[in-house]
Each structure stands twice: as C-alpha cells, then as structure tokens.
PDB file of N, CA and C in Angstrom:
ATOM      1  N   MET A   1     -35.477  -7.521 -11.340  1.00  0.00           N
ATOM      2  CA  MET A   1     -34.513  -7.806 -10.345  1.00  0.00           C
ATOM      3  C   MET A   1     -33.637  -6.249 -10.500  1.00  0.00           C
ATOM      4  N   ALA A   2     -33.556  -6.302 -12.016  1.00  0.00           N
ATOM      5  CA  ALA A   2     -32.736  -5.150 -12.570  1.00  0.00           C
ATOM      6  C   ALA A   2     -32.421  -3.480 -11.824  1.00  0.00           C
ATOM      7  N   ILE A   3     -34.067  -3.797 -11.784  1.00  0.00           N
ATOM      8  CA  ILE A   3     -34.468  -1.890 -11.124  1.00  0.00           C
ATOM      9  C   ILE A   3     -33.503  -2.044  -9.142  1.00  0.00           C
ATOM     10  N   SER A   4     -34.453  -2.940  -8.934  1.00  0.00           N
ATOM     11  CA  SER A   4     -33.436  -2.827  -7.820  1.00  0.00           C
ATOM     12  C   SER A   4     -32.736  -2.835  -8.085  1.00  0.00           C
ATOM     13  N   ASN A   5     -31.437  -3.802  -8.155  1.00  0.00           N
ATOM     14  CA  ASN A   5     -29.989  -2.930  -8.443  1.00  0.00           C
ATOM     15  C   ASN A   5     -29.933  -1.550  -8.549  1.00  0.00           C
ATOM     16  N   VAL A   6     -30.236  -1.250  -9.794  1.00  0.00           N
ATOM     17  CA  VAL A   6     -29.551   0.614  -9.798  1.00  0.00           C
ATOM     18  C   VAL A   6     -31.015   1.241  -8.942  1.00  0.00           C
ATOM     19  N   TRP A   7     -31.986   0.835  -7.516  1.00  0.00           N
ATOM     20  CA  TRP A   7     -31.815   1.380  -7.054  1.00  0.00           C
ATOM     21  C   TRP A   7     -30.141   2.057  -4.789  1.00  0.00           C
ATOM     22  N   ILE A   8     -30.484  -0.252  -5.533  1.00  0.00           N
ATOM     23  CA  ILE A   8     -29.614   0.219  -4.152  1.00  0.00           C
ATOM     24  C   ILE A   8     -28.361   0.280  -4.854  1.00  0.00           C
ATOM     25  N   SER A   9     -28.105   0.931  -5.575  1.00  0.00           N
ATOM     26  CA  SER A   9     -26.600   1.846  -6.383  1.00  0.00           C
ATOM     27  C   SER A   9     -26.971   3.303  -6.227  1.00  0.00           C
ATOM     28  N   LEU A  10     -28.289   3.909  -5.801  1.00  0.00           N
ATOM     29  CA  LEU A  10     -28.362   5.078  -6.378  1.00  0.00           C
ATOM     30  C   LEU A  10     -28.694   5.195  -4.877  1.00  0.00           C
ATOM     31  N   LEU A  11     -29.340   4.506  -3.713  1.00  0.00           N
ATOM     32  CA  LEU A  11     -29.027   4.892  -2.963  1.00  0.00           C
ATOM     33  C   LEU A  11     -27.636   4.936  -2.081  1.00  0.00           C
ATOM     34  N   LEU A  12     -26.737   3.840  -2.067  1.00  0.00           N
ATOM     35  CA  LEU A  12     -25.842   3.414  -2.044  1.00  0.00           C
ATOM     36  C   LEU A  12     -24.643   4.907  -2.143  1.00  0.00           C
ATOM     37  N   ALA A  13     -24.968   5.725  -3.820  1.00  0.00           N
ATOM     38  CA  ALA A  13     -24.274   6.340  -3.595  1.00  0.00           C
ATOM     39  C   ALA A  13     -25.088   7.448  -3.286  1.00  0.00           C
ATOM     40  N   LEU A  14     -26.339   8.631  -3.154  1.00  0.00           N
ATOM     41  CA  LEU A  14     -26.954   9.068  -2.338  1.00  0.00           C
ATOM     42  C   LEU A  14     -25.383   9.206  -1.300  1.00  0.00           C
ATOM     43  N   ALA A  15     -25.697   7.942  -0.801  1.00  0.00           N
ATOM     44  CA  ALA A  15     -25.700   7.602   1.290  1.00  0.00           C
ATOM     45  C   ALA A  15     -23.672   8.717   0.528  1.00  0.00           C
ATOM     46  N   VAL A  16     -22.801   8.330   0.337  1.00  0.00           N
ATOM     47  CA  VAL A  16     -21.704   8.318   0.357  1.00  0.00           C
ATOM     48  C   VAL A  16     -21.348   9.519  -0.206  1.00  0.00           C
ATOM     49  N   VAL A  17     -22.814  10.257  -1.057  1.00  0.00           N
ATOM     50  CA  VAL A  17     -22.092  11.858  -0.692  1.00  0.00           C
ATOM     51  C   VAL A  17     -22.491  13.069  -0.199  1.00  0.00           C
ATOM     52  N   LEU A  18     -23.264  12.231   0.717  1.00  0.00           N
ATOM     53  CA  LEU A  18     -23.975  12.132   2.026  1.00  0.00           C
ATOM     54  C   LEU A  18     -22.482  11.897   3.383  1.00  0.00           C
ATOM     55  N   SER A  19     -22.302  11.813   3.164  1.00  0.00           N
ATOM     56  CA  SER A  19     -21.703  10.678   4.422  1.00  0.00           C
ATOM     57  C   SER A  19     -19.911  11.364   4.142  1.00  0.00           C
ATOM     58  N   ALA A  20     -20.103  11.536   3.315  1.00  0.00           N
ATOM     59  CA  ALA A  20     -18.286  12.676   2.954  1.00  0.00           C
ATOM     60  C   ALA A  20     -18.169  13.317   3.580  1.00  0.00           C
ATOM     61  N   PRO A  21     -19.054  15.151   2.867  1.00  0.00           N
ATOM     62  CA  PRO A  21     -18.890  16.275   3.704  1.00  0.00           C
ATOM     63  C   PRO A  21     -19.044  16.451   5.299  1.00  0.00           C
ATOM     64  N   ALA A  22     -19.835  15.221   6.430  1.00  0.00           N
ATOM     65  CA  ALA A  22     -19.671  15.548   7.554  1.00  0.00           C
ATOM     66  C   ALA A  22     -19.179  14.489   7.588  1.00  0.00           C
ATOM     67  N   ALA A  23     -18.229  13.728   7.102  1.00  0.00           N
ATOM     68  CA  ALA A  23     -16.959  13.140   7.195  1.00  0.00           C
ATOM     69  C   ALA A  23     -15.488  14.445   7.821  1.00  0.00           C
ATOM     70  N   ARG A  24     -15.418  14.550   6.478  1.00  0.00           N
ATOM     71  CA  ARG A  24     -14.387  16.611   6.258  1.00  0.00           C
ATOM     72  C   ARG A  24     -14.676  17.170   7.197  1.00  0.00           C
ATOM     73  N   ALA A  25     -16.431  17.536   7.500  1.00  0.00           N
ATOM     74  CA  ALA A  25     -16.608  18.304   8.898  1.00  0.00           C
ATOM     75  C   ALA A  25     -15.874  17.776  10.053  1.00  0.00           C
ATOM     76  N   GLU A  26     -16.149  16.443  10.228  1.00  0.00           N
ATOM     77  CA  GLU A  26     -15.579  15.964  12.120  1.00  0.00           C
ATOM     78  C   GLU A  26     -14.462  16.330  11.913  1.00  0.00           C
ATOM     79  N   GLU A  27     -13.955  16.164  10.398  1.00  0.00           N
ATOM     80  CA  GLU A  27     -11.892  15.815  11.247  1.00  0.00           C
ATOM     81  C   GLU A  27     -11.711  17.791  10.828  1.00  0.00           C
ATOM     82  N   ALA A  28     -12.921  18.503  10.652  1.00  0.00           N
ATOM     83  CA  ALA A  28     -12.357  19.491  10.563  1.00  0.00           C
ATOM     84  C   ALA A  28     -12.102  20.984  11.654  1.00  0.00           C
ATOM     85  N   ALA A  29     -12.996  20.283  12.317  1.00  0.00           N
ATOM     86  CA  ALA A  29     -13.587  19.885  13.788  1.00  0.00           C
ATOM     87  C   ALA A  29     -13.181  20.217  15.017  1.00  0.00           C
TER      88      ALA A  29
END
C-alpha cells in the first residue's frame, strides 16, 4: 500500500509540474 501511495504522489507531482507551464503558456497567449 505504501509503495502505491508513493507512486500516486509522484504521478500527481508530475501532473502538476507538467500542467503548470501549460497553464502559464495559455495565459500568455
């Protein structure tokens, strides 16, 4: 369970990091 929770947190962190620049690009456009 603990390992899966770590993977989920890592995936969420990656999603935030990848979505943040995209949102900024949309705002700048």
